[in-house]
């Protein structure tokens, strides 16, 4: 059973997730580590578990969450399933690192910039970018205390 309240209602979907669900999905450290591993090559669950230092059960659960949103795909081969990033994830290579773009339901992308560990000493190895229009939209929304009943 999923203990993450934001992700409890995530179902296999052909539609991108809402922005808040997408940020929660990408904010999980295990999921982010899995995405980083799958950027390099397709891997089995056991290889991913070894690579990220987590149990097979935890890795399988997190892969299911990513697969349900269409961000990873699995391919059966003999006794294993191999996972890779899906075409829904746009990959752009830049001098400062690799940028992954994930679509949200409002049509905007959430970008994650993955820097190689040897780049830009003193900077973080990953970052999340939300397009400015999205931030402005959230800033301009009324708070619960400001909402009046017009009825």
Protein backbone atom coordinates (compact mmCIF):
# COMPACT_ATOMS: atom_id res chain seq x y z
CA UNK A 1 0.00 0.00 0.00
CA UNK A 2 1.27 3.48 -0.88
CA UNK A 3 1.90 5.71 2.15
CA UNK A 4 2.51 8.85 0.09
CA UNK A 5 -0.84 10.74 0.20
CA UNK A 6 -0.16 12.80 -2.91
CA UNK A 7 0.67 9.72 -4.96
CA UNK A 8 -2.10 7.46 -3.61
CA UNK A 9 -4.44 8.37 -6.43
CA UNK A 10 -1.83 8.08 -9.18
CA UNK A 11 -3.09 5.63 -11.78
CA UNK A 12 -1.68 4.46 -15.07
CA UNK A 13 -2.44 7.40 -17.27
CA UNK A 14 -1.95 8.56 -20.81
CA UNK A 15 -2.43 12.12 -19.54
CA UNK A 16 0.45 13.90 -17.81
CA UNK A 17 0.10 14.36 -14.03
CA UNK A 18 -0.87 17.65 -12.42
CA UNK A 19 2.01 19.92 -11.51
CA UNK A 20 1.82 19.15 -7.78
CA UNK A 21 1.79 15.38 -8.38
CA UNK A 22 4.63 15.70 -10.87
CA UNK A 23 6.77 17.64 -8.40
CA UNK A 24 6.04 15.06 -5.69
CA UNK A 25 6.85 12.24 -8.08
CA UNK A 26 10.15 13.80 -9.13
CA UNK A 27 10.99 14.93 -5.60
CA UNK A 28 11.47 11.41 -4.29
CA UNK A 29 15.17 10.74 -3.83
CA UNK A 30 14.87 7.09 -4.88
CA UNK A 31 12.86 8.00 -7.99
CA UNK A 32 15.37 10.70 -8.90
CA UNK A 33 18.23 8.22 -8.48
CA UNK A 34 16.38 5.71 -10.69
CA UNK A 35 15.85 8.34 -13.38
CA UNK A 36 19.57 9.19 -13.27
CA UNK A 37 20.48 5.50 -13.66
CA UNK A 38 18.03 4.96 -16.51
CA UNK A 39 19.41 7.97 -18.32
CA UNK A 40 22.66 6.03 -18.75
CA UNK A 41 21.21 2.70 -19.89
CA UNK A 42 18.28 0.32 -19.54
CA UNK A 43 18.54 -1.87 -16.46
CA UNK A 44 16.79 -4.66 -14.61
CA UNK A 45 15.18 -4.09 -11.21
CA UNK A 46 18.00 -5.94 -9.44
CA UNK A 47 20.67 -3.88 -11.25
CA UNK A 48 18.82 -0.68 -10.35
CA UNK A 49 18.50 -1.78 -6.71
CA UNK A 50 22.25 -2.40 -6.55
CA UNK A 51 23.02 0.91 -8.29
CA UNK A 52 20.90 3.03 -5.94
CA UNK A 53 21.58 0.98 -2.80
CA UNK A 54 17.93 0.16 -2.07
CA UNK A 55 15.86 -3.01 -1.76
CA UNK A 56 14.31 -4.61 -4.81
CA UNK A 57 10.86 -4.07 -3.29
CA UNK A 58 11.39 -0.33 -2.82
CA UNK A 59 12.86 0.04 -6.31
CA UNK A 60 9.96 -1.93 -7.83
CA UNK A 61 7.43 0.28 -6.04
CA UNK A 62 9.10 3.48 -7.26
CA UNK A 63 9.43 2.12 -10.80
CA UNK A 64 5.69 1.38 -10.75
CA UNK A 65 4.94 5.00 -9.82
CA UNK A 66 7.13 6.25 -12.67
CA UNK A 67 5.68 3.67 -15.09
CA UNK A 68 2.09 4.59 -14.14
CA UNK A 69 2.77 8.14 -15.32
CA UNK A 70 4.46 6.93 -18.50
CA UNK A 71 7.95 8.13 -17.59
CA UNK A 72 9.55 4.67 -17.72
CA UNK A 73 8.78 1.62 -19.81
CA UNK A 74 9.54 -2.01 -19.11
CA UNK A 75 10.55 -4.67 -21.60
CA UNK A 76 10.43 -8.36 -20.66
CA UNK A 77 13.45 -10.46 -21.50
CA UNK A 78 13.67 -14.06 -20.30
CA UNK A 79 13.29 -13.92 -16.49
CA UNK A 80 13.89 -10.17 -16.15
CA UNK A 81 12.16 -6.94 -16.98
CA UNK A 82 14.38 -4.15 -18.23
CA UNK A 83 13.43 -0.55 -17.56
CA UNK A 84 14.29 2.54 -19.57
CA UNK A 85 13.08 6.13 -19.81
CA UNK A 86 10.09 6.55 -22.09
CA UNK A 87 9.78 8.91 -25.03
CA UNK A 88 7.50 11.06 -22.82
CA UNK A 89 10.70 12.30 -21.12
CA UNK A 90 12.52 14.78 -23.32
CA UNK A 91 16.30 14.68 -23.00
CA UNK A 92 18.46 17.67 -23.89
CA UNK A 93 22.24 17.69 -23.59
CA UNK A 94 23.79 21.02 -22.60
CA UNK A 95 27.34 22.08 -21.66
CA UNK A 96 26.24 22.43 -18.01
CA UNK A 97 24.64 18.95 -17.89
CA UNK A 98 21.71 16.89 -19.12
CA UNK A 99 18.24 18.39 -18.88
CA UNK A 100 15.22 16.14 -18.59
CA UNK A 101 11.78 17.62 -19.30
CA UNK A 102 8.66 16.03 -17.82
CA UNK A 103 5.20 17.17 -19.04
CA UNK A 104 2.48 18.21 -16.59
CA UNK A 105 -1.25 18.36 -17.21
CA UNK A 106 -1.29 22.16 -17.58
CA UNK A 107 0.96 21.88 -20.63
CA UNK A 108 4.10 23.13 -18.94
CA UNK A 109 7.24 21.10 -18.44
CA UNK A 110 9.20 20.54 -15.27
CA UNK A 111 12.88 20.34 -16.04
CA UNK A 112 15.57 18.60 -14.04
CA UNK A 113 19.17 19.50 -14.77
CA UNK A 114 21.54 16.66 -13.97
CA UNK A 115 25.12 17.80 -13.76
CA UNK A 116 27.99 15.37 -13.87
CA UNK A 117 29.80 15.24 -10.56
CA UNK A 118 32.94 16.67 -12.16
CA UNK A 119 31.25 19.85 -13.35
CA UNK A 120 31.07 23.18 -11.58
CA UNK A 121 32.66 22.47 -8.19
CA UNK A 122 30.58 23.75 -5.31
CA UNK A 123 27.28 23.47 -7.16
CA UNK A 124 24.58 20.94 -6.46
CA UNK A 125 24.51 17.85 -8.64
CA UNK A 126 20.88 18.31 -9.61
CA UNK A 127 18.28 21.03 -9.82
CA UNK A 128 14.63 21.43 -10.64
CA UNK A 129 13.39 24.20 -12.90
CA UNK A 130 9.77 25.29 -13.13
CA UNK A 131 8.88 27.65 -15.92
CA UNK A 132 8.32 31.22 -14.76
CA UNK A 133 4.73 31.32 -16.03
CA UNK A 134 3.82 28.48 -13.65
CA UNK A 135 5.35 30.27 -10.67
CA UNK A 136 3.46 33.47 -11.52
CA UNK A 137 0.22 31.51 -11.83
CA UNK A 138 0.66 30.11 -8.32
CA UNK A 139 1.66 33.51 -6.89
CA UNK A 140 -1.51 35.11 -8.20
CA UNK A 141 -3.91 32.50 -6.82
CA UNK A 142 -5.96 33.67 -3.81
CA UNK A 143 -5.21 32.04 -0.48
CA UNK A 144 -7.97 30.09 1.28
CA UNK A 145 -8.49 32.99 3.69
CA UNK A 146 -8.94 35.37 0.74
CA UNK A 147 -11.59 33.28 -1.03
CA UNK A 148 -15.07 34.67 -0.51
CA UNK A 149 -18.31 32.84 -0.98
CA UNK A 150 -20.17 34.74 -3.71
CA UNK A 151 -23.40 32.84 -3.27
